[in-house]
Amino acid sequence: MFLFIATIFIAELIIVLSLISYILKADKAVQDLRKEIISRKPQIKAGLLGVREGIHLVREKQGLLFEIVKQKRNQYLISLAKMILVYLLLFIIKGKCKKAASICQGILLVKDVWDSISA
């Protein structure tokens, strides 16, 4: 019985000693890593500032891109409205609305004269 208890005790001592050894190795590794981080702290700080500036620059460029897209959308909407208006005028001119057609022809004539004067 004593031999069995002694064997278990020795096995537990071996396990505990190996655990203590692993803990000490891990502690030494953490201390080395801490020293490395402290020595490279200025480089890490400069890198993080660079990342912050990069993010700020990306946000700024994204805002400019959204402005350009908004301007282009407005430009295309205006050109679409002009095109619809021209086709509507052509429909009126070619259609059966003779009174409205003569008014539209007069407006187009004034526009052509105005464009030739301003050019």
PDB file of N, CA and C in Angstrom:
ATOM      1  N   MET A   1       0.821  -1.187   0.000  1.00  0.00           N
ATOM      2  CA  MET A   1       0.000   0.000   0.000  1.00  0.00           C
ATOM      3  C   MET A   1       0.870   1.258   0.000  1.00  0.00           C
ATOM      4  N   PHE A   2       1.955   1.220   0.836  1.00  0.00           N
ATOM      5  CA  PHE A   2       2.857   2.366   0.877  1.00  0.00           C
ATOM      6  C   PHE A   2       3.521   2.610  -0.468  1.00  0.00           C
ATOM      7  N   LEU A   3       3.842   1.533  -1.137  1.00  0.00           N
ATOM      8  CA  LEU A   3       4.490   1.650  -2.439  1.00  0.00           C
ATOM      9  C   LEU A   3       3.561   2.326  -3.451  1.00  0.00           C
ATOM     10  N   PHE A   4       2.283   1.982  -3.398  1.00  0.00           N
ATOM     11  CA  PHE A   4       1.302   2.590  -4.302  1.00  0.00           C
ATOM     12  C   PHE A   4       1.167   4.084  -4.015  1.00  0.00           C
ATOM     13  N   ILE A   5       1.051   4.459  -2.752  1.00  0.00           N
ATOM     14  CA  ILE A   5       0.923   5.868  -2.367  1.00  0.00           C
ATOM     15  C   ILE A   5       2.202   6.620  -2.717  1.00  0.00           C
ATOM     16  N   ALA A   6       3.347   6.033  -2.497  1.00  0.00           N
ATOM     17  CA  ALA A   6       4.619   6.675  -2.820  1.00  0.00           C
ATOM     18  C   ALA A   6       4.743   6.890  -4.324  1.00  0.00           C
ATOM     19  N   THR A   7       4.294   5.935  -5.119  1.00  0.00           N
ATOM     20  CA  THR A   7       4.352   6.059  -6.571  1.00  0.00           C
ATOM     21  C   THR A   7       3.458   7.201  -7.046  1.00  0.00           C
ATOM     22  N   ILE A   8       2.259   7.266  -6.492  1.00  0.00           N
ATOM     23  CA  ILE A   8       1.342   8.350  -6.859  1.00  0.00           C
ATOM     24  C   ILE A   8       1.929   9.692  -6.440  1.00  0.00           C
ATOM     25  N   PHE A   9       2.512   9.765  -5.247  1.00  0.00           N
ATOM     26  CA  PHE A   9       3.105  11.015  -4.759  1.00  0.00           C
ATOM     27  C   PHE A   9       4.250  11.465  -5.663  1.00  0.00           C
ATOM     28  N   ILE A  10       5.093  10.543  -6.058  1.00  0.00           N
ATOM     29  CA  ILE A  10       6.220  10.876  -6.936  1.00  0.00           C
ATOM     30  C   ILE A  10       5.705  11.343  -8.296  1.00  0.00           C
ATOM     31  N   ALA A  11       4.660  10.691  -8.811  1.00  0.00           N
ATOM     32  CA  ALA A  11       4.086  11.100 -10.100  1.00  0.00           C
ATOM     33  C   ALA A  11       3.512  12.514  -9.999  1.00  0.00           C
ATOM     34  N   GLU A  12       2.842  12.795  -8.876  1.00  0.00           N
ATOM     35  CA  GLU A  12       2.301  14.146  -8.683  1.00  0.00           C
ATOM     36  C   GLU A  12       3.418  15.171  -8.588  1.00  0.00           C
ATOM     37  N   LEU A  13       4.504  14.836  -7.926  1.00  0.00           N
ATOM     38  CA  LEU A  13       5.646  15.752  -7.837  1.00  0.00           C
ATOM     39  C   LEU A  13       6.238  16.023  -9.216  1.00  0.00           C
ATOM     40  N   ILE A  14       6.337  15.004 -10.036  1.00  0.00           N
ATOM     41  CA  ILE A  14       6.877  15.174 -11.392  1.00  0.00           C
ATOM     42  C   ILE A  14       5.966  16.089 -12.203  1.00  0.00           C
ATOM     43  N   ILE A  15       4.648  15.867 -12.099  1.00  0.00           N
ATOM     44  CA  ILE A  15       3.694  16.703 -12.834  1.00  0.00           C
ATOM     45  C   ILE A  15       3.775  18.145 -12.355  1.00  0.00           C
ATOM     46  N   VAL A  16       3.831  18.352 -11.042  1.00  0.00           N
ATOM     47  CA  VAL A  16       3.895  19.708 -10.487  1.00  0.00           C
ATOM     48  C   VAL A  16       5.185  20.394 -10.910  1.00  0.00           C
ATOM     49  N   LEU A  17       6.299  19.689 -10.870  1.00  0.00           N
ATOM     50  CA  LEU A  17       7.575  20.286 -11.268  1.00  0.00           C
ATOM     51  C   LEU A  17       7.572  20.655 -12.752  1.00  0.00           C
ATOM     52  N   SER A  18       6.972  19.809 -13.584  1.00  0.00           N
ATOM     53  CA  SER A  18       6.912  20.150 -15.011  1.00  0.00           C
ATOM     54  C   SER A  18       5.993  21.350 -15.237  1.00  0.00           C
ATOM     55  N   LEU A  19       4.877  21.431 -14.500  1.00  0.00           N
ATOM     56  CA  LEU A  19       3.998  22.600 -14.608  1.00  0.00           C
ATOM     57  C   LEU A  19       4.716  23.869 -14.169  1.00  0.00           C
ATOM     58  N   ILE A  20       5.454  23.785 -13.080  1.00  0.00           N
ATOM     59  CA  ILE A  20       6.212  24.951 -12.606  1.00  0.00           C
ATOM     60  C   ILE A  20       7.245  25.352 -13.644  1.00  0.00           C
ATOM     61  N   SER A  21       7.887  24.386 -14.263  1.00  0.00           N
ATOM     62  CA  SER A  21       8.877  24.675 -15.300  1.00  0.00           C
ATOM     63  C   SER A  21       8.228  25.385 -16.488  1.00  0.00           C
ATOM     64  N   TYR A  22       7.048  24.893 -16.918  1.00  0.00           N
ATOM     65  CA  TYR A  22       6.342  25.540 -18.033  1.00  0.00           C
ATOM     66  C   TYR A  22       5.897  26.954 -17.667  1.00  0.00           C
ATOM     67  N   ILE A  23       5.446  27.137 -16.438  1.00  0.00           N
ATOM     68  CA  ILE A  23       5.014  28.470 -15.997  1.00  0.00           C
ATOM     69  C   ILE A  23       6.196  29.428 -15.989  1.00  0.00           C
ATOM     70  N   LEU A  24       7.353  28.977 -15.516  1.00  0.00           N
ATOM     71  CA  LEU A  24       8.540  29.837 -15.494  1.00  0.00           C
ATOM     72  C   LEU A  24       9.001  30.184 -16.910  1.00  0.00           C
ATOM     73  N   LYS A  25       8.927  29.214 -17.825  1.00  0.00           N
ATOM     74  CA  LYS A  25       9.295  29.490 -19.221  1.00  0.00           C
ATOM     75  C   LYS A  25       8.331  30.500 -19.841  1.00  0.00           C
ATOM     76  N   ALA A  26       7.043  30.345 -19.568  1.00  0.00           N
ATOM     77  CA  ALA A  26       6.053  31.283 -20.097  1.00  0.00           C
ATOM     78  C   ALA A  26       6.270  32.673 -19.505  1.00  0.00           C
ATOM     79  N   ASP A  27       6.591  32.745 -18.215  1.00  0.00           N
ATOM     80  CA  ASP A  27       6.851  34.040 -17.579  1.00  0.00           C
ATOM     81  C   ASP A  27       8.065  34.712 -18.207  1.00  0.00           C
ATOM     82  N   LYS A  28       9.111  33.957 -18.468  1.00  0.00           N
ATOM     83  CA  LYS A  28      10.302  34.522 -19.108  1.00  0.00           C
ATOM     84  C   LYS A  28       9.974  35.009 -20.521  1.00  0.00           C
ATOM     85  N   ALA A  29       9.167  34.242 -21.249  1.00  0.00           N
ATOM     86  CA  ALA A  29       8.781  34.653 -22.603  1.00  0.00           C
ATOM     87  C   ALA A  29       7.956  35.937 -22.564  1.00  0.00           C
ATOM     88  N   VAL A  30       7.057  36.053 -21.589  1.00  0.00           N
ATOM     89  CA  VAL A  30       6.247  37.268 -21.461  1.00  0.00           C
ATOM     90  C   VAL A  30       7.131  38.454 -21.106  1.00  0.00           C
ATOM     91  N   GLN A  31       8.090  38.266 -20.231  1.00  0.00           N
ATOM     92  CA  GLN A  31       8.998  39.358 -19.868  1.00  0.00           C
ATOM     93  C   GLN A  31       9.834  39.800 -21.071  1.00  0.00           C
ATOM     94  N   ASP A  32      10.314  38.842 -21.864  1.00  0.00           N
ATOM     95  CA  ASP A  32      11.074  39.187 -23.070  1.00  0.00           C
ATOM     96  C   ASP A  32      10.204  39.950 -24.067  1.00  0.00           C
ATOM     97  N   LEU A  33       8.969  39.498 -24.224  1.00  0.00           N
ATOM     98  CA  LEU A  33       8.043  40.180 -25.123  1.00  0.00           C
ATOM     99  C   LEU A  33       7.751  41.592 -24.631  1.00  0.00           C
ATOM    100  N   ARG A  34       7.602  41.751 -23.328  1.00  0.00           N
ATOM    101  CA  ARG A  34       7.354  43.079 -22.748  1.00  0.00           C
ATOM    102  C   ARG A  34       8.524  44.014 -23.036  1.00  0.00           C
ATOM    103  N   LYS A  35       9.746  43.515 -22.842  1.00  0.00           N
ATOM    104  CA  LYS A  35      10.930  44.332 -23.125  1.00  0.00           C
ATOM    105  C   LYS A  35      10.986  44.720 -24.604  1.00  0.00           C
ATOM    106  N   GLU A  36      10.656  43.776 -25.470  1.00  0.00           N
ATOM    107  CA  GLU A  36      10.664  44.044 -26.916  1.00  0.00           C
ATOM    108  C   GLU A  36       9.631  45.112 -27.276  1.00  0.00           C
ATOM    109  N   ILE A  37       8.445  45.001 -26.692  1.00  0.00           N
ATOM    110  CA  ILE A  37       7.396  45.988 -26.969  1.00  0.00           C
ATOM    111  C   ILE A  37       7.802  47.359 -26.451  1.00  0.00           C
ATOM    112  N   ILE A  38       8.387  47.413 -25.265  1.00  0.00           N
ATOM    113  CA  ILE A  38       8.823  48.704 -24.715  1.00  0.00           C
ATOM    114  C   ILE A  38       9.908  49.314 -25.585  1.00  0.00           C
ATOM    115  N   SER A  39      10.822  48.497 -26.093  1.00  0.00           N
ATOM    116  CA  SER A  39      11.893  49.043 -26.934  1.00  0.00           C
ATOM    117  C   SER A  39      11.366  49.529 -28.287  1.00  0.00           C
ATOM    118  N   ARG A  40      10.284  48.932 -28.761  1.00  0.00           N
ATOM    119  CA  ARG A  40       9.725  49.331 -30.059  1.00  0.00           C
ATOM    120  C   ARG A  40       8.507  50.247 -29.936  1.00  0.00           C
ATOM    121  N   LYS A  41       8.270  50.767 -28.761  1.00  0.00           N
ATOM    122  CA  LYS A  41       7.090  51.600 -28.537  1.00  0.00           C
ATOM    123  C   LYS A  41       7.031  52.821 -29.454  1.00  0.00           C
ATOM    124  N   PRO A  42       8.130  53.555 -29.671  1.00  0.00           N
ATOM    125  CA  PRO A  42       8.046  54.704 -30.594  1.00  0.00           C
ATOM    126  C   PRO A  42       7.679  54.291 -32.024  1.00  0.00           C
ATOM    127  N   GLN A  43       8.222  53.163 -32.479  1.00  0.00           N
ATOM    128  CA  GLN A  43       7.893  52.690 -33.824  1.00  0.00           C
ATOM    129  C   GLN A  43       6.421  52.287 -33.915  1.00  0.00           C
ATOM    130  N   ILE A  44       5.930  51.625 -32.884  1.00  0.00           N
ATOM    131  CA  ILE A  44       4.517  51.220 -32.869  1.00  0.00           C
ATOM    132  C   ILE A  44       3.624  52.446 -32.855  1.00  0.00           C
ATOM    133  N   LYS A  45       4.004  53.442 -32.049  1.00  0.00           N
ATOM    134  CA  LYS A  45       3.209  54.669 -31.955  1.00  0.00           C
ATOM    135  C   LYS A  45       3.175  55.393 -33.301  1.00  0.00           C
ATOM    136  N   ALA A  46       4.328  55.479 -33.968  1.00  0.00           N
ATOM    137  CA  ALA A  46       4.382  56.134 -35.279  1.00  0.00           C
ATOM    138  C   ALA A  46       3.544  55.361 -36.300  1.00  0.00           C
ATOM    139  N   GLY A  47       3.601  54.047 -36.243  1.00  0.00           N
ATOM    140  CA  GLY A  47       2.798  53.235 -37.157  1.00  0.00           C
ATOM    141  C   GLY A  47       1.307  53.428 -36.936  1.00  0.00           C
ATOM    142  N   LEU A  48       0.889  53.489 -35.684  1.00  0.00           N
ATOM    143  CA  LEU A  48      -0.527  53.704 -35.383  1.00  0.00           C
ATOM    144  C   LEU A  48      -0.985  55.087 -35.822  1.00  0.00           C
ATOM    145  N   LEU A  49      -0.116  56.090 -35.676  1.00  0.00           N
ATOM    146  CA  LEU A  49      -0.467  57.431 -36.164  1.00  0.00           C
ATOM    147  C   LEU A  49      -0.603  57.427 -37.686  1.00  0.00           C
ATOM    148  N   GLY A  50       0.269  56.682 -38.358  1.00  0.00           N
ATOM    149  CA  GLY A  50       0.162  56.562 -39.812  1.00  0.00           C
ATOM    150  C   GLY A  50      -1.139  55.898 -40.231  1.00  0.00           C
ATOM    151  N   VAL A  51      -1.535  54.870 -39.502  1.00  0.00           N
ATOM    152  CA  VAL A  51      -2.806  54.195 -39.798  1.00  0.00           C
ATOM    153  C   VAL A  51      -3.969  55.152 -39.578  1.00  0.00           C
ATOM    154  N   ARG A  52      -3.901  55.939 -38.504  1.00  0.00           N
ATOM    155  CA  ARG A  52      -4.968  56.910 -38.219  1.00  0.00           C
ATOM    156  C   ARG A  52      -5.072  57.942 -39.340  1.00  0.00           C
ATOM    157  N   GLU A  53      -3.931  58.447 -39.805  1.00  0.00           N
ATOM    158  CA  GLU A  53      -3.937  59.412 -40.908  1.00  0.00           C
ATOM    159  C   GLU A  53      -4.474  58.769 -42.189  1.00  0.00           C
ATOM    160  N   GLY A  54      -4.113  57.518 -42.415  1.00  0.00           N
ATOM    161  CA  GLY A  54      -4.618  56.809 -43.592  1.00  0.00           C
ATOM    162  C   GLY A  54      -6.129  56.656 -43.558  1.00  0.00           C
ATOM    163  N   ILE A  55      -6.658  56.322 -42.399  1.00  0.00           N
ATOM    164  CA  ILE A  55      -8.114  56.189 -42.258  1.00  0.00           C
ATOM    165  C   ILE A  55      -8.787  57.529 -42.479  1.00  0.00           C
ATOM    166  N   HIS A  56      -8.202  58.596 -41.938  1.00  0.00           N
ATOM    167  CA  HIS A  56      -8.770  59.935 -42.128  1.00  0.00           C
ATOM    168  C   HIS A  56      -8.760  60.310 -43.612  1.00  0.00           C
ATOM    169  N   LEU A  57      -7.673  59.994 -44.296  1.00  0.00           N
ATOM    170  CA  LEU A  57      -7.565  60.298 -45.719  1.00  0.00           C
ATOM    171  C   LEU A  57      -8.601  59.513 -46.530  1.00  0.00           C
ATOM    172  N   VAL A  58      -8.795  58.250 -46.186  1.00  0.00           N
ATOM    173  CA  VAL A  58      -9.790  57.432 -46.892  1.00  0.00           C
ATOM    174  C   VAL A  58     -11.188  58.001 -46.678  1.00  0.00           C
ATOM    175  N   ARG A  59     -11.495  58.428 -45.450  1.00  0.00           N
ATOM    176  CA  ARG A  59     -12.809  59.030 -45.187  1.00  0.00           C
ATOM    177  C   ARG A  59     -13.005  60.300 -45.999  1.00  0.00           C
ATOM    178  N   GLU A  60     -11.963  61.112 -46.072  1.00  0.00           N
ATOM    179  CA  GLU A  60     -12.049  62.362 -46.833  1.00  0.00           C
ATOM    180  C   GLU A  60     -12.286  62.078 -48.314  1.00  0.00           C
ATOM    181  N   LYS A  61     -11.529  61.139 -48.862  1.00  0.00           N
ATOM    182  CA  LYS A  61     -11.684  60.791 -50.276  1.00  0.00           C
ATOM    183  C   LYS A  61     -13.056  60.161 -50.535  1.00  0.00           C
ATOM    184  N   GLN A  62     -13.560  59.413 -49.574  1.00  0.00           N
ATOM    185  CA  GLN A  62     -14.886  58.819 -49.724  1.00  0.00           C
ATOM    186  C   GLN A  62     -15.948  59.913 -49.783  1.00  0.00           C
ATOM    187  N   GLY A  63     -15.804  60.950 -48.953  1.00  0.00           N
ATOM    188  CA  GLY A  63     -16.744  62.069 -48.998  1.00  0.00           C
ATOM    189  C   GLY A  63     -16.693  62.784 -50.338  1.00  0.00           C
ATOM    190  N   LEU A  64     -15.482  62.985 -50.863  1.00  0.00           N
ATOM    191  CA  LEU A  64     -15.350  63.618 -52.177  1.00  0.00           C
ATOM    192  C   LEU A  64     -15.978  62.749 -53.270  1.00  0.00           C
ATOM    193  N   LEU A  65     -15.781  61.451 -53.173  1.00  0.00           N
ATOM    194  CA  LEU A  65     -16.373  60.543 -54.155  1.00  0.00           C
ATOM    195  C   LEU A  65     -17.895  60.617 -54.114  1.00  0.00           C
ATOM    196  N   PHE A  66     -18.463  60.671 -52.912  1.00  0.00           N
ATOM    197  CA  PHE A  66     -19.918  60.778 -52.799  1.00  0.00           C
ATOM    198  C   PHE A  66     -20.412  62.091 -53.384  1.00  0.00           C
ATOM    199  N   GLU A  67     -19.657  63.172 -53.204  1.00  0.00           N
ATOM    200  CA  GLU A  67     -20.045  64.459 -53.789  1.00  0.00           C
ATOM    201  C   GLU A  67     -20.032  64.388 -55.319  1.00  0.00           C
ATOM    202  N   ILE A  68     -18.992  63.762 -55.877  1.00  0.00           N
ATOM    203  CA  ILE A  68     -18.901  63.633 -57.335  1.00  0.00           C
ATOM    204  C   ILE A  68     -20.065  62.803 -57.864  1.00  0.00           C
ATOM    205  N   VAL A  69     -20.380  61.713 -57.172  1.00  0.00           N
ATOM    206  CA  VAL A  69     -21.497  60.864 -57.604  1.00  0.00           C
ATOM    207  C   VAL A  69     -22.803  61.639 -57.541  1.00  0.00           C
ATOM    208  N   LYS A  70     -22.983  62.437 -56.494  1.00  0.00           N
ATOM    209  CA  LYS A  70     -24.209  63.232 -56.367  1.00  0.00           C
ATOM    210  C   LYS A  70     -24.306  64.264 -57.489  1.00  0.00           C
ATOM    211  N   GLN A  71     -23.181  64.918 -57.816  1.00  0.00           N
ATOM    212  CA  GLN A  71     -23.186  65.899 -58.905  1.00  0.00           C
ATOM    213  C   GLN A  71     -23.498  65.228 -60.241  1.00  0.00           C
ATOM    214  N   LYS A  72     -22.882  64.081 -60.499  1.00  0.00           N
ATOM    215  CA  LYS A  72     -23.133  63.370 -61.755  1.00  0.00           C
ATOM    216  C   LYS A  72     -24.588  62.917 -61.837  1.00  0.00           C
ATOM    217  N   ARG A  73     -25.137  62.458 -60.713  1.00  0.00           N
ATOM    218  CA  ARG A  73     -26.537  62.036 -60.711  1.00  0.00           C
ATOM    219  C   ARG A  73     -27.445  63.211 -61.051  1.00  0.00           C
ATOM    220  N   ASN A  74     -27.172  64.367 -60.432  1.00  0.00           N
ATOM    221  CA  ASN A  74     -27.973  65.555 -60.737  1.00  0.00           C
ATOM    222  C   ASN A  74     -27.824  65.961 -62.202  1.00  0.00           C
ATOM    223  N   GLN A  75     -26.596  65.867 -62.721  1.00  0.00           N
ATOM    224  CA  GLN A  75     -26.347  66.218 -64.113  1.00  0.00           C
ATOM    225  C   GLN A  75     -27.135  65.287 -65.047  1.00  0.00           C
ATOM    226  N   TYR A  76     -27.118  63.991 -64.770  1.00  0.00           N
ATOM    227  CA  TYR A  76     -27.855  63.059 -65.614  1.00  0.00           C
ATOM    228  C   TYR A  76     -29.360  63.251 -65.489  1.00  0.00           C
ATOM    229  N   LEU A  77     -29.836  63.584 -64.296  1.00  0.00           N
ATOM    230  CA  LEU A  77     -31.268  63.838 -64.137  1.00  0.00           C
ATOM    231  C   LEU A  77     -31.699  65.064 -64.935  1.00  0.00           C
ATOM    232  N   ILE A  78     -30.856  66.108 -64.934  1.00  0.00           N
ATOM    233  CA  ILE A  78     -31.177  67.311 -65.708  1.00  0.00           C
ATOM    234  C   ILE A  78     -31.183  66.994 -67.199  1.00  0.00           C
ATOM    235  N   SER A  79     -30.179  66.238 -67.662  1.00  0.00           N
ATOM    236  CA  SER A  79     -30.152  65.897 -69.095  1.00  0.00           C
ATOM    237  C   SER A  79     -31.331  64.993 -69.459  1.00  0.00           C
ATOM    238  N   LEU A  80     -31.735  64.111 -68.556  1.00  0.00           N
ATOM    239  CA  LEU A  80     -32.900  63.266 -68.809  1.00  0.00           C
ATOM    240  C   LEU A  80     -34.169  64.108 -68.882  1.00  0.00           C
ATOM    241  N   ALA A  81     -34.293  65.083 -67.987  1.00  0.00           N
ATOM    242  CA  ALA A  81     -35.469  65.960 -68.022  1.00  0.00           C
ATOM    243  C   ALA A  81     -35.502  66.764 -69.316  1.00  0.00           C
ATOM    244  N   LYS A  82     -34.335  67.251 -69.767  1.00  0.00           N
ATOM    245  CA  LYS A  82     -34.276  67.996 -71.032  1.00  0.00           C
ATOM    246  C   LYS A  82     -34.691  67.106 -72.199  1.00  0.00           C
ATOM    247  N   MET A  83     -34.216  65.870 -72.194  1.00  0.00           N
ATOM    248  CA  MET A  83     -34.544  64.956 -73.278  1.00  0.00           C
ATOM    249  C   MET A  83     -36.047  64.662 -73.291  1.00  0.00           C
ATOM    250  N   ILE A  84     -36.617  64.437 -72.125  1.00  0.00           N
ATOM    251  CA  ILE A  84     -38.062  64.188 -72.051  1.00  0.00           C
ATOM    252  C   ILE A  84     -38.830  65.403 -72.543  1.00  0.00           C
ATOM    253  N   LEU A  85     -38.374  66.594 -72.170  1.00  0.00           N
ATOM    254  CA  LEU A  85     -39.035  67.826 -72.607  1.00  0.00           C
ATOM    255  C   LEU A  85     -38.966  67.979 -74.125  1.00  0.00           C
ATOM    256  N   VAL A  86     -37.809  67.678 -74.715  1.00  0.00           N
ATOM    257  CA  VAL A  86     -37.662  67.789 -76.167  1.00  0.00           C
ATOM    258  C   VAL A  86     -38.597  66.804 -76.870  1.00  0.00           C
ATOM    259  N   TYR A  87     -38.639  65.556 -76.399  1.00  0.00           N
ATOM    260  CA  TYR A  87     -39.532  64.582 -77.025  1.00  0.00           C
ATOM    261  C   TYR A  87     -40.997  64.958 -76.841  1.00  0.00           C
ATOM    262  N   LEU A  88     -41.328  65.544 -75.699  1.00  0.00           N
ATOM    263  CA  LEU A  88     -42.695  66.010 -75.481  1.00  0.00           C
ATOM    264  C   LEU A  88     -43.038  67.135 -76.452  1.00  0.00           C
ATOM    265  N   LEU A  89     -42.093  68.061 -76.652  1.00  0.00           N
ATOM    266  CA  LEU A  89     -42.314  69.150 -77.608  1.00  0.00           C
ATOM    267  C   LEU A  89     -42.446  68.609 -79.031  1.00  0.00           C
ATOM    268  N   LEU A  90     -41.621  67.640 -79.387  1.00  0.00           N
ATOM    269  CA  LEU A  90     -41.743  67.037 -80.719  1.00  0.00           C
ATOM    270  C   LEU A  90     -43.090  66.342 -80.893  1.00  0.00           C
ATOM    271  N   PHE A  91     -43.550  65.698 -79.848  1.00  0.00           N
ATOM    272  CA  PHE A  91     -44.859  65.048 -79.914  1.00  0.00           C
ATOM    273  C   PHE A  91     -45.968  66.076 -80.106  1.00  0.00           C
ATOM    274  N   ILE A  92     -45.842  67.205 -79.397  1.00  0.00           N
ATOM    275  CA  ILE A  92     -46.858  68.254 -79.530  1.00  0.00           C
ATOM    276  C   ILE A  92     -46.811  68.863 -80.927  1.00  0.00           C
ATOM    277  N   ILE A  93     -45.591  69.117 -81.421  1.00  0.00           N
ATOM    278  CA  ILE A  93     -45.449  69.731 -82.744  1.00  0.00           C
ATOM    279  C   ILE A  93     -45.990  68.805 -83.829  1.00  0.00           C
ATOM    280  N   LYS A  94     -45.688  67.526 -83.759  1.00  0.00           N
ATOM    281  CA  LYS A  94     -46.119  66.580 -84.785  1.00  0.00           C
ATOM    282  C   LYS A  94     -47.546  66.087 -84.551  1.00  0.00           C
ATOM    283  N   GLY A  95     -48.057  66.353 -83.378  1.00  0.00           N
ATOM    284  CA  GLY A  95     -49.378  65.834 -83.041  1.00  0.00           C
ATOM    285  C   GLY A  95     -50.504  66.693 -83.582  1.00  0.00           C
ATOM    286  N   LYS A  96     -51.659  66.510 -83.008  1.00  0.00           N
ATOM    287  CA  LYS A  96     -52.861  67.169 -83.487  1.00  0.00           C
ATOM    288  C   LYS A  96     -53.120  68.490 -82.772  1.00  0.00           C
ATOM    289  N   CYS A  97     -52.259  68.872 -81.851  1.00  0.00           N
ATOM    290  CA  CYS A  97     -52.440  70.132 -81.117  1.00  0.00           C
ATOM    291  C   CYS A  97     -51.791  71.254 -81.914  1.00  0.00           C
ATOM    292  N   LYS A  98     -52.478  71.802 -82.873  1.00  0.00           N
ATOM    293  CA  LYS A  98     -51.899  72.805 -83.773  1.00  0.00           C
ATOM    294  C   LYS A  98     -51.615  74.116 -83.051  1.00  0.00           C
ATOM    295  N   LYS A  99     -52.489  74.506 -82.138  1.00  0.00           N
ATOM    296  CA  LYS A  99     -52.290  75.765 -81.425  1.00  0.00           C
ATOM    297  C   LYS A  99     -51.059  75.669 -80.517  1.00  0.00           C
ATOM    298  N   ALA A 100     -50.965  74.557 -79.776  1.00  0.00           N
ATOM    299  CA  ALA A 100     -49.809  74.348 -78.905  1.00  0.00           C
ATOM    300  C   ALA A 100     -48.553  74.157 -79.740  1.00  0.00           C
ATOM    301  N   ALA A 101     -48.693  73.561 -80.922  1.00  0.00           N
ATOM    302  CA  ALA A 101     -47.545  73.338 -81.794  1.00  0.00           C
ATOM    303  C   ALA A 101     -46.965  74.660 -82.271  1.00  0.00           C
ATOM    304  N   SER A 102     -47.813  75.591 -82.626  1.00  0.00           N
ATOM    305  CA  SER A 102     -47.293  76.884 -83.087  1.00  0.00           C
ATOM    306  C   SER A 102     -46.614  77.634 -81.945  1.00  0.00           C
ATOM    307  N   ILE A 103     -47.129  77.510 -80.728  1.00  0.00           N
ATOM    308  CA  ILE A 103     -46.486  78.148 -79.562  1.00  0.00           C
ATOM    309  C   ILE A 103     -45.124  77.513 -79.318  1.00  0.00           C
ATOM    310  N   CYS A 104     -45.054  76.197 -79.398  1.00  0.00           N
ATOM    311  CA  CYS A 104     -43.782  75.501 -79.182  1.00  0.00           C
ATOM    312  C   CYS A 104     -42.774  75.845 -80.272  1.00  0.00           C
ATOM    313  N   GLN A 105     -43.226  75.974 -81.516  1.00  0.00           N
ATOM    314  CA  GLN A 105     -42.317  76.365 -82.595  1.00  0.00           C
ATOM    315  C   GLN A 105     -41.786  77.768 -82.355  1.00  0.00           C
ATOM    316  N   GLY A 106     -42.621  78.646 -81.852  1.00  0.00           N
ATOM    317  CA  GLY A 106     -42.167  80.001 -81.520  1.00  0.00           C
ATOM    318  C   GLY A 106     -41.126  79.984 -80.414  1.00  0.00           C
ATOM    319  N   ILE A 107     -41.360  79.159 -79.401  1.00  0.00           N
ATOM    320  CA  ILE A 107     -40.392  79.044 -78.302  1.00  0.00           C
ATOM    321  C   ILE A 107     -39.073  78.489 -78.821  1.00  0.00           C
ATOM    322  N   LEU A 108     -39.128  77.464 -79.671  1.00  0.00           N
ATOM    323  CA  LEU A 108     -37.901  76.899 -80.234  1.00  0.00           C
ATOM    324  C   LEU A 108     -37.173  77.908 -81.117  1.00  0.00           C
ATOM    325  N   LEU A 109     -37.925  78.731 -81.853  1.00  0.00           N
ATOM    326  CA  LEU A 109     -37.318  79.767 -82.684  1.00  0.00           C
ATOM    327  C   LEU A 109     -36.597  80.788 -81.818  1.00  0.00           C
ATOM    328  N   VAL A 110     -37.236  81.217 -80.721  1.00  0.00           N
ATOM    329  CA  VAL A 110     -36.604  82.171 -79.797  1.00  0.00           C
ATOM    330  C   VAL A 110     -35.352  81.555 -79.185  1.00  0.00           C
ATOM    331  N   LYS A 111     -35.423  80.280 -78.840  1.00  0.00           N
ATOM    332  CA  LYS A 111     -34.255  79.602 -78.266  1.00  0.00           C
ATOM    333  C   LYS A 111     -33.109  79.546 -79.270  1.00  0.00           C
ATOM    334  N   ASP A 112     -33.396  79.206 -80.517  1.00  0.00           N
ATOM    335  CA  ASP A 112     -32.357  79.148 -81.547  1.00  0.00           C
ATOM    336  C   ASP A 112     -31.729  80.516 -81.772  1.00  0.00           C
ATOM    337  N   VAL A 113     -32.550  81.559 -81.795  1.00  0.00           N
ATOM    338  CA  VAL A 113     -32.018  82.918 -81.970  1.00  0.00           C
ATOM    339  C   VAL A 113     -31.148  83.284 -80.777  1.00  0.00           C
ATOM    340  N   TRP A 114     -31.604  82.966 -79.586  1.00  0.00           N
ATOM    341  CA  TRP A 114     -30.844  83.286 -78.372  1.00  0.00           C
ATOM    342  C   TRP A 114     -29.501  82.554 -78.368  1.00  0.00           C
ATOM    343  N   ASP A 115     -29.507  81.270 -78.762  1.00  0.00           N
ATOM    344  CA  ASP A 115     -28.266  80.503 -78.819  1.00  0.00           C
ATOM    345  C   ASP A 115     -27.309  81.071 -79.861  1.00  0.00           C
ATOM    346  N   SER A 116     -27.829  81.535 -80.995  1.00  0.00           N
ATOM    347  CA  SER A 116     -26.949  82.093 -82.030  1.00  0.00           C
ATOM    348  C   SER A 116     -26.378  83.441 -81.588  1.00  0.00           C
ATOM    349  N   ILE A 117     -27.134  84.217 -80.816  1.00  0.00           N
ATOM    350  CA  ILE A 117     -26.628  85.508 -80.326  1.00  0.00           C
ATOM    351  C   ILE A 117     -25.563  85.291 -79.261  1.00  0.00           C
ATOM    352  N   SER A 118     -25.809  84.364 -78.341  1.00  0.00           N
ATOM    353  CA  SER A 118     -24.862  84.143 -77.240  1.00  0.00           C
ATOM    354  C   SER A 118     -23.606  83.422 -77.704  1.00  0.00           C
ATOM    355  N   ALA A 119     -23.652  82.751 -78.843  1.00  0.00           N
ATOM    356  CA  ALA A 119     -22.480  82.019 -79.335  1.00  0.00           C
ATOM    357  C   ALA A 119     -21.563  82.914 -80.074  1.00  0.00           C
TER     358      ALA A 119
END
